[in-house]
């Protein structure tokens, strides 16, 4: 079995988010479409929270500070979904419900 070795680090230049997915434009001209269902915090966020993103470093990752969500571009290219456990997600969802009361 061979291992993929990236010759250059993939970097994001911009992100756009819809109710169903998000799109990442890469510095090399590629565009990645990612379903929000892969990242439950994004799926359960408000539109305003989804739109509040920023690139980390030169674009090696995307951060949604309101959601404490960080997604690396290499992981997106590898097809990795959120690694958050169901228990952690439920705790996060409960804390959001509590803060709204």
N, C-alpha and C. Protein backbone atom coordinates (compact mmCIF):
# COMPACT_ATOMS: atom_id res chain seq x y z
N UNK A 1 0.84 -1.17 0.00
CA UNK A 1 0.00 0.00 0.00
C UNK A 1 0.89 1.23 0.00
N UNK A 2 0.54 2.19 -0.82
CA UNK A 2 1.32 3.43 -0.86
C UNK A 2 0.62 4.50 -0.03
N UNK A 3 1.40 5.48 0.37
CA UNK A 3 0.88 6.59 1.15
C UNK A 3 0.98 7.86 0.33
N UNK A 4 -0.08 8.63 0.31
CA UNK A 4 -0.08 9.89 -0.41
C UNK A 4 0.79 10.90 0.34
N UNK A 5 1.69 11.52 -0.38
CA UNK A 5 2.52 12.58 0.19
C UNK A 5 2.22 13.84 -0.59
N UNK A 6 1.78 14.87 0.12
CA UNK A 6 1.46 16.12 -0.53
C UNK A 6 2.73 16.90 -0.83
N UNK A 7 2.84 17.37 -2.05
CA UNK A 7 4.02 18.14 -2.43
C UNK A 7 3.95 19.57 -1.92
N UNK A 8 2.75 20.10 -1.85
CA UNK A 8 2.55 21.43 -1.29
C UNK A 8 1.39 21.36 -0.31
N UNK A 9 1.44 22.18 0.70
CA UNK A 9 0.36 22.20 1.68
C UNK A 9 -0.86 22.86 1.06
N UNK A 10 -2.01 22.20 1.08
CA UNK A 10 -3.22 22.82 0.53
C UNK A 10 -3.69 23.95 1.45
N UNK A 11 -3.95 25.09 0.85
CA UNK A 11 -4.36 26.27 1.63
C UNK A 11 -5.68 26.81 1.12
N UNK A 12 -6.56 27.16 2.04
CA UNK A 12 -7.84 27.76 1.70
C UNK A 12 -7.67 29.25 1.50
N UNK A 13 -8.47 29.80 0.59
CA UNK A 13 -8.47 31.25 0.39
C UNK A 13 -9.79 31.88 0.80
N UNK A 14 -10.88 31.12 0.67
CA UNK A 14 -12.19 31.64 1.07
C UNK A 14 -13.14 30.48 1.35
N UNK A 15 -14.18 30.79 2.10
CA UNK A 15 -15.18 29.80 2.48
C UNK A 15 -16.55 30.43 2.27
N UNK A 16 -17.49 29.66 1.77
CA UNK A 16 -18.88 30.10 1.72
C UNK A 16 -19.75 28.98 2.27
N UNK A 17 -20.78 29.37 3.02
CA UNK A 17 -21.61 28.40 3.71
C UNK A 17 -23.07 28.59 3.32
N UNK A 18 -23.73 27.48 3.00
CA UNK A 18 -25.17 27.48 2.72
C UNK A 18 -25.85 26.64 3.81
N UNK A 19 -27.16 26.53 3.80
CA UNK A 19 -27.82 25.70 4.80
C UNK A 19 -27.48 24.21 4.71
N UNK A 20 -26.93 23.76 3.56
CA UNK A 20 -26.67 22.34 3.36
C UNK A 20 -25.20 21.95 3.29
N UNK A 21 -24.35 22.89 2.89
CA UNK A 21 -22.94 22.55 2.71
C UNK A 21 -22.06 23.79 2.85
N UNK A 22 -20.77 23.56 2.79
CA UNK A 22 -19.86 24.68 2.69
C UNK A 22 -18.85 24.40 1.59
N UNK A 23 -18.38 25.48 1.00
CA UNK A 23 -17.46 25.42 -0.11
C UNK A 23 -16.17 26.08 0.30
N UNK A 24 -15.06 25.43 -0.02
CA UNK A 24 -13.74 25.98 0.28
C UNK A 24 -13.00 26.15 -1.03
N UNK A 25 -12.58 27.38 -1.31
CA UNK A 25 -11.73 27.64 -2.46
C UNK A 25 -10.29 27.53 -2.01
N UNK A 26 -9.50 26.77 -2.78
CA UNK A 26 -8.10 26.56 -2.45
C UNK A 26 -7.20 27.48 -3.28
N UNK A 27 -6.02 27.74 -2.74
CA UNK A 27 -5.06 28.62 -3.40
C UNK A 27 -4.64 28.09 -4.77
N UNK A 28 -4.69 26.77 -4.97
CA UNK A 28 -4.28 26.20 -6.25
C UNK A 28 -5.40 26.16 -7.29
N UNK A 29 -6.57 26.74 -6.95
CA UNK A 29 -7.68 26.83 -7.90
C UNK A 29 -8.76 25.79 -7.73
N UNK A 30 -8.53 24.78 -6.89
CA UNK A 30 -9.57 23.77 -6.66
C UNK A 30 -10.64 24.32 -5.74
N UNK A 31 -11.80 23.67 -5.80
CA UNK A 31 -12.92 24.02 -4.93
C UNK A 31 -13.47 22.73 -4.34
N UNK A 32 -13.68 22.74 -3.03
CA UNK A 32 -14.19 21.56 -2.32
C UNK A 32 -15.59 21.88 -1.80
N UNK A 33 -16.54 20.97 -2.05
CA UNK A 33 -17.89 21.08 -1.49
C UNK A 33 -18.00 20.03 -0.39
N UNK A 34 -18.43 20.46 0.79
CA UNK A 34 -18.49 19.58 1.95
C UNK A 34 -19.88 19.65 2.57
N UNK A 35 -20.56 18.51 2.76
CA UNK A 35 -21.88 18.55 3.39
C UNK A 35 -21.77 18.93 4.87
N UNK A 36 -22.67 19.78 5.33
CA UNK A 36 -22.68 20.17 6.74
C UNK A 36 -22.91 18.96 7.64
N UNK A 37 -23.58 17.95 7.12
CA UNK A 37 -23.84 16.75 7.91
C UNK A 37 -22.54 16.08 8.39
N UNK A 38 -21.42 16.34 7.72
CA UNK A 38 -20.14 15.80 8.16
C UNK A 38 -19.67 16.46 9.44
N UNK A 39 -20.19 17.64 9.74
CA UNK A 39 -19.74 18.41 10.91
C UNK A 39 -20.97 18.87 11.70
N UNK A 40 -21.41 18.06 12.67
CA UNK A 40 -22.66 18.33 13.38
C UNK A 40 -22.75 19.71 14.04
N UNK A 41 -21.63 20.27 14.48
CA UNK A 41 -21.71 21.61 15.07
C UNK A 41 -22.13 22.63 14.02
N UNK A 42 -21.61 22.51 12.82
CA UNK A 42 -22.03 23.41 11.75
C UNK A 42 -23.49 23.16 11.37
N UNK A 43 -23.87 21.90 11.34
CA UNK A 43 -25.25 21.54 10.99
C UNK A 43 -26.24 22.12 11.99
N UNK A 44 -25.87 22.15 13.27
CA UNK A 44 -26.76 22.64 14.33
C UNK A 44 -26.59 24.12 14.63
N UNK A 45 -25.77 24.81 13.89
CA UNK A 45 -25.51 26.23 14.14
C UNK A 45 -26.53 27.12 13.45
N UNK A 46 -26.61 28.34 13.92
CA UNK A 46 -27.43 29.34 13.23
C UNK A 46 -26.67 29.81 11.99
N UNK A 47 -27.39 30.44 11.09
CA UNK A 47 -26.73 30.98 9.89
C UNK A 47 -25.65 31.99 10.28
N UNK A 48 -25.95 32.83 11.24
CA UNK A 48 -24.95 33.83 11.68
C UNK A 48 -23.69 33.16 12.21
N UNK A 49 -23.84 32.09 12.97
CA UNK A 49 -22.67 31.36 13.49
C UNK A 49 -21.88 30.70 12.36
N UNK A 50 -22.60 30.16 11.38
CA UNK A 50 -21.92 29.52 10.24
C UNK A 50 -21.13 30.53 9.41
N UNK A 51 -21.66 31.74 9.31
CA UNK A 51 -21.01 32.76 8.49
C UNK A 51 -19.81 33.39 9.20
N UNK A 52 -19.69 33.19 10.49
CA UNK A 52 -18.58 33.76 11.26
C UNK A 52 -17.41 32.78 11.29
N UNK A 53 -16.66 32.76 10.22
CA UNK A 53 -15.50 31.87 10.10
C UNK A 53 -14.26 32.73 9.86
N UNK A 54 -13.11 32.10 10.06
CA UNK A 54 -11.85 32.76 9.72
C UNK A 54 -10.83 31.68 9.36
N UNK A 55 -9.90 32.07 8.53
CA UNK A 55 -8.83 31.16 8.16
C UNK A 55 -7.73 31.26 9.19
N UNK A 56 -7.13 30.13 9.52
CA UNK A 56 -6.01 30.09 10.44
C UNK A 56 -4.71 30.06 9.65
N UNK A 57 -3.71 30.78 10.13
CA UNK A 57 -2.42 30.83 9.45
C UNK A 57 -2.58 31.33 8.03
N UNK A 58 -1.93 30.66 7.12
CA UNK A 58 -2.03 31.02 5.70
C UNK A 58 -3.23 30.38 5.02
N UNK A 59 -4.08 29.72 5.81
CA UNK A 59 -5.25 29.04 5.26
C UNK A 59 -5.18 27.54 5.42
N UNK A 60 -4.36 27.06 6.36
CA UNK A 60 -4.23 25.62 6.57
C UNK A 60 -5.46 25.02 7.26
N UNK A 61 -6.30 25.88 7.87
CA UNK A 61 -7.51 25.41 8.55
C UNK A 61 -8.54 26.53 8.59
N UNK A 62 -9.77 26.13 8.87
CA UNK A 62 -10.88 27.07 9.03
C UNK A 62 -11.36 26.96 10.47
N UNK A 63 -11.64 28.11 11.07
CA UNK A 63 -12.16 28.13 12.44
C UNK A 63 -13.50 28.85 12.45
N UNK A 64 -14.44 28.27 13.19
CA UNK A 64 -15.71 28.90 13.49
C UNK A 64 -15.67 29.17 15.00
N UNK A 65 -15.25 30.37 15.42
CA UNK A 65 -15.03 30.63 16.84
C UNK A 65 -16.29 30.51 17.70
N UNK A 66 -17.45 30.86 17.15
CA UNK A 66 -18.69 30.76 17.93
C UNK A 66 -19.05 29.31 18.25
N UNK A 67 -18.52 28.38 17.45
CA UNK A 67 -18.87 26.96 17.57
C UNK A 67 -17.74 26.12 18.13
N UNK A 68 -16.59 26.72 18.34
CA UNK A 68 -15.38 25.99 18.75
C UNK A 68 -15.11 24.85 17.77
N UNK A 69 -15.23 25.15 16.48
CA UNK A 69 -15.02 24.17 15.41
C UNK A 69 -13.79 24.58 14.60
N UNK A 70 -12.88 23.64 14.39
CA UNK A 70 -11.66 23.86 13.62
C UNK A 70 -11.53 22.72 12.63
N UNK A 71 -11.43 23.05 11.35
CA UNK A 71 -11.36 22.02 10.32
C UNK A 71 -10.12 22.26 9.47
N UNK A 72 -9.25 21.27 9.43
CA UNK A 72 -8.03 21.35 8.63
C UNK A 72 -8.30 21.04 7.17
N UNK A 73 -7.63 21.76 6.28
CA UNK A 73 -7.83 21.58 4.85
C UNK A 73 -7.34 20.20 4.40
N UNK A 74 -6.22 19.73 4.93
CA UNK A 74 -5.75 18.39 4.57
C UNK A 74 -6.79 17.34 4.91
N UNK A 75 -7.45 17.49 6.05
CA UNK A 75 -8.50 16.55 6.44
C UNK A 75 -9.68 16.57 5.49
N UNK A 76 -10.05 17.77 5.03
CA UNK A 76 -11.13 17.86 4.05
C UNK A 76 -10.77 17.12 2.77
N UNK A 77 -9.54 17.34 2.31
CA UNK A 77 -9.11 16.67 1.08
C UNK A 77 -9.05 15.16 1.24
N UNK A 78 -8.79 14.70 2.46
CA UNK A 78 -8.75 13.27 2.73
C UNK A 78 -10.14 12.69 2.98
N UNK A 79 -11.17 13.54 3.02
CA UNK A 79 -12.53 13.06 3.22
C UNK A 79 -12.87 12.75 4.66
N UNK A 80 -12.15 13.36 5.61
CA UNK A 80 -12.40 13.09 7.02
C UNK A 80 -13.62 13.87 7.52
N UNK A 81 -14.49 13.15 8.19
CA UNK A 81 -15.65 13.76 8.83
C UNK A 81 -15.23 14.23 10.23
N UNK A 82 -16.14 14.88 10.92
CA UNK A 82 -15.88 15.30 12.30
C UNK A 82 -15.51 14.09 13.15
N UNK A 83 -14.54 14.28 14.00
CA UNK A 83 -14.13 13.20 14.90
C UNK A 83 -14.78 13.33 16.27
N UNK A 84 -15.73 14.25 16.42
CA UNK A 84 -16.36 14.47 17.71
C UNK A 84 -17.22 13.27 18.11
N UNK A 85 -17.10 12.86 19.34
CA UNK A 85 -17.89 11.73 19.83
C UNK A 85 -19.35 12.16 20.03
N UNK A 86 -20.28 11.22 19.95
CA UNK A 86 -21.68 11.55 20.21
C UNK A 86 -21.89 12.16 21.60
N UNK A 87 -21.16 11.67 22.59
CA UNK A 87 -21.29 12.21 23.95
C UNK A 87 -20.84 13.67 24.00
N UNK A 88 -19.73 13.99 23.35
CA UNK A 88 -19.24 15.36 23.32
C UNK A 88 -20.22 16.27 22.60
N UNK A 89 -20.77 15.81 21.49
CA UNK A 89 -21.74 16.61 20.74
C UNK A 89 -22.98 16.86 21.59
N UNK A 90 -23.49 15.85 22.27
CA UNK A 90 -24.67 16.03 23.12
C UNK A 90 -24.39 17.03 24.23
N UNK A 91 -23.21 16.97 24.81
CA UNK A 91 -22.83 17.94 25.85
C UNK A 91 -22.82 19.35 25.27
N UNK A 92 -22.26 19.50 24.08
CA UNK A 92 -22.21 20.81 23.42
C UNK A 92 -23.63 21.32 23.11
N UNK A 93 -24.48 20.44 22.57
CA UNK A 93 -25.87 20.84 22.27
C UNK A 93 -26.61 21.24 23.54
N UNK A 94 -26.40 20.49 24.64
CA UNK A 94 -27.07 20.82 25.91
C UNK A 94 -26.60 22.17 26.42
N UNK A 95 -25.33 22.46 26.29
CA UNK A 95 -24.82 23.76 26.76
C UNK A 95 -25.42 24.90 25.95
N UNK A 96 -25.68 24.67 24.66
CA UNK A 96 -26.32 25.69 23.82
C UNK A 96 -27.77 25.90 24.26
N UNK A 97 -28.47 24.80 24.55
CA UNK A 97 -29.87 24.92 25.01
C UNK A 97 -29.91 25.68 26.34
N UNK A 98 -29.00 25.36 27.24
CA UNK A 98 -28.97 26.01 28.55
C UNK A 98 -28.69 27.50 28.43
N UNK A 99 -27.81 27.87 27.51
CA UNK A 99 -27.45 29.28 27.38
C UNK A 99 -28.58 30.11 26.75
N UNK A 100 -29.50 29.47 26.09
CA UNK A 100 -30.62 30.19 25.45
C UNK A 100 -31.80 30.37 26.40
N UNK A 101 -31.75 29.71 27.55
CA UNK A 101 -32.90 29.82 28.49
C UNK A 101 -32.72 30.97 29.42
